[in-house]
Amino acid sequence: MDAAYDLHADTLKALADPRRLEIVHMLGSGPRELSTLASGLSASEVSVSRHLAALLGAGLVEARPIRGSMRYALCDPDVLAACDLMHRVLRRRLEHMSHTDEPGSPTRRPAELSRRRSG
């Protein structure tokens, strides 16, 4: 298998959390310190720090010391572009699913399908 597929899968795993996607979007407008990210997300610094560690580990975010604290930034602006593209695809999918009421349709909302399976 192509090593790029493995890296792609690992990268998607790191992004597979809504809070991490929010962090990517915040960093898309410029580098931020941990306290600024936590404040903007209404989350604790400990929680945001854990998410940043996952993004750092995946090579999506970099940390640079600035005046005694760390500033976090996207390693590549195309990370945000890729996330934005997928977000647009999924918004269209949700819009399409909202117009599809046929029971058992493969285009039904994932939440509806999971409730159906667990119910």
Protein backbone atom coordinates (compact mmCIF):
# COMPACT_ATOMS: atom_id res chain seq x y z
CA MET A 1 0.00 0.00 0.00
CA ASP A 2 1.13 3.55 -0.70
CA ALA A 3 2.64 5.19 2.42
CA ALA A 4 0.66 8.34 1.61
CA TYR A 5 -2.58 6.44 2.37
CA ASP A 6 -1.26 5.53 5.82
CA LEU A 7 -0.28 9.13 6.49
CA HIS A 8 -3.65 10.32 5.15
CA ALA A 9 -5.50 7.96 7.51
CA ASP A 10 -3.38 9.05 10.49
CA THR A 11 -4.01 12.70 9.66
CA LEU A 12 -7.76 12.14 9.41
CA LYS A 13 -7.69 10.36 12.79
CA ALA A 14 -6.06 13.44 14.32
CA LEU A 15 -8.78 15.62 12.78
CA ALA A 16 -11.61 13.28 13.80
CA ASP A 17 -12.73 15.44 16.70
CA PRO A 18 -14.96 18.53 16.48
CA ARG A 19 -12.83 20.46 18.97
CA ARG A 20 -9.68 19.82 16.92
CA LEU A 21 -11.44 21.05 13.80
CA GLU A 22 -12.38 24.21 15.70
CA ILE A 23 -8.73 24.66 16.68
CA VAL A 24 -7.64 24.27 13.05
CA HIS A 25 -10.17 26.90 12.02
CA MET A 26 -9.02 29.31 14.73
CA LEU A 27 -5.38 28.81 13.73
CA GLY A 28 -6.36 29.41 10.11
CA SER A 29 -6.60 33.11 10.87
CA GLY A 30 -3.17 33.20 12.50
CA PRO A 31 -0.99 31.84 15.29
CA ARG A 32 -2.46 31.77 18.80
CA GLU A 33 -1.33 31.11 22.33
CA LEU A 34 -2.92 28.35 24.39
CA SER A 35 -4.82 30.79 26.60
CA THR A 36 -6.31 32.55 23.56
CA LEU A 37 -7.39 29.25 22.01
CA ALA A 38 -8.94 28.06 25.28
CA SER A 39 -10.77 31.34 25.76
CA GLY A 40 -12.08 31.35 22.18
CA LEU A 41 -13.32 27.78 22.57
CA SER A 42 -14.72 28.27 26.10
CA ALA A 43 -12.64 25.28 27.13
CA SER A 44 -9.98 24.60 29.72
CA GLU A 45 -6.34 25.00 28.82
CA VAL A 46 -5.76 21.37 29.84
CA SER A 47 -8.37 20.17 27.34
CA VAL A 48 -7.09 22.38 24.52
CA SER A 49 -3.54 21.33 25.30
CA ARG A 50 -4.50 17.64 24.82
CA HIS A 51 -6.06 18.45 21.45
CA LEU A 52 -3.03 20.48 20.42
CA ALA A 53 -0.80 17.54 21.32
CA ALA A 54 -2.74 15.33 18.89
CA LEU A 55 -2.48 17.95 16.15
CA LEU A 56 1.22 18.46 16.87
CA GLY A 57 1.80 14.71 16.78
CA ALA A 58 0.14 14.49 13.38
CA GLY A 59 2.33 17.29 12.05
CA LEU A 60 -0.61 19.60 11.40
CA VAL A 61 0.33 22.24 13.97
CA GLU A 62 3.66 23.64 15.10
CA ALA A 63 4.59 25.33 18.38
CA ARG A 64 7.05 28.20 18.67
CA PRO A 65 8.23 29.85 21.86
CA ILE A 66 7.43 33.57 21.88
CA ARG A 67 8.15 35.80 24.90
CA GLY A 68 8.00 33.01 27.46
CA SER A 69 4.95 31.19 26.09
CA MET A 70 4.14 28.94 23.16
CA ARG A 71 2.38 30.09 20.01
CA TYR A 72 0.63 27.52 17.89
CA ALA A 73 0.20 27.76 14.14
CA LEU A 74 -0.82 25.55 11.24
CA CYS A 75 2.15 23.91 9.56
CA ASP A 76 0.55 24.33 6.15
CA PRO A 77 -2.36 26.63 5.21
CA ASP A 78 -3.72 23.91 2.93
CA VAL A 79 -4.75 22.00 6.08
CA LEU A 80 -7.45 24.61 6.60
CA ALA A 81 -8.33 24.56 2.90
CA ALA A 82 -8.77 20.77 3.04
CA CYS A 83 -10.93 21.02 6.16
CA ASP A 84 -13.03 23.78 4.58
CA LEU A 85 -13.52 21.71 1.44
CA MET A 86 -14.70 18.69 3.43
CA HIS A 87 -16.96 20.94 5.50
CA ARG A 88 -18.63 22.23 2.31
CA VAL A 89 -19.06 18.66 1.01
CA LEU A 90 -20.69 17.60 4.27
CA ARG A 91 -22.95 20.66 4.40
CA ARG A 92 -24.23 19.75 0.92
CA ARG A 93 -24.68 16.16 2.06
CA LEU A 94 -26.71 17.28 5.08
CA GLU A 95 -28.80 19.53 2.85
CA HIS A 96 -29.47 16.62 0.51
CA MET A 97 -30.32 14.32 3.43
CA SER A 98 -32.78 16.85 4.82
CA HIS A 99 -34.75 16.47 1.58
CA THR A 100 -34.65 12.67 1.64
CA ASP A 101 -37.37 11.18 3.83
CA GLU A 102 -37.50 7.69 2.38
CA PRO A 103 -37.04 5.13 5.21
CA GLY A 104 -33.92 3.04 4.80
CA SER A 105 -32.38 5.50 2.38
CA PRO A 106 -28.58 5.35 2.43
CA THR A 107 -28.53 9.15 2.47
CA ARG A 108 -30.31 9.50 5.82
CA ARG A 109 -28.60 11.42 8.59
CA PRO A 110 -25.93 9.39 10.43
CA ALA A 111 -27.55 10.25 13.79
CA GLU A 112 -30.88 8.86 12.55
CA LEU A 113 -29.18 5.67 11.43
CA SER A 114 -27.33 5.18 14.72
CA ARG A 115 -30.54 5.78 16.74
CA ARG A 116 -32.30 3.23 14.56
CA ARG A 117 -29.58 0.62 15.13
CA SER A 118 -29.45 1.14 18.88
CA GLY A 119 -33.21 1.34 19.32
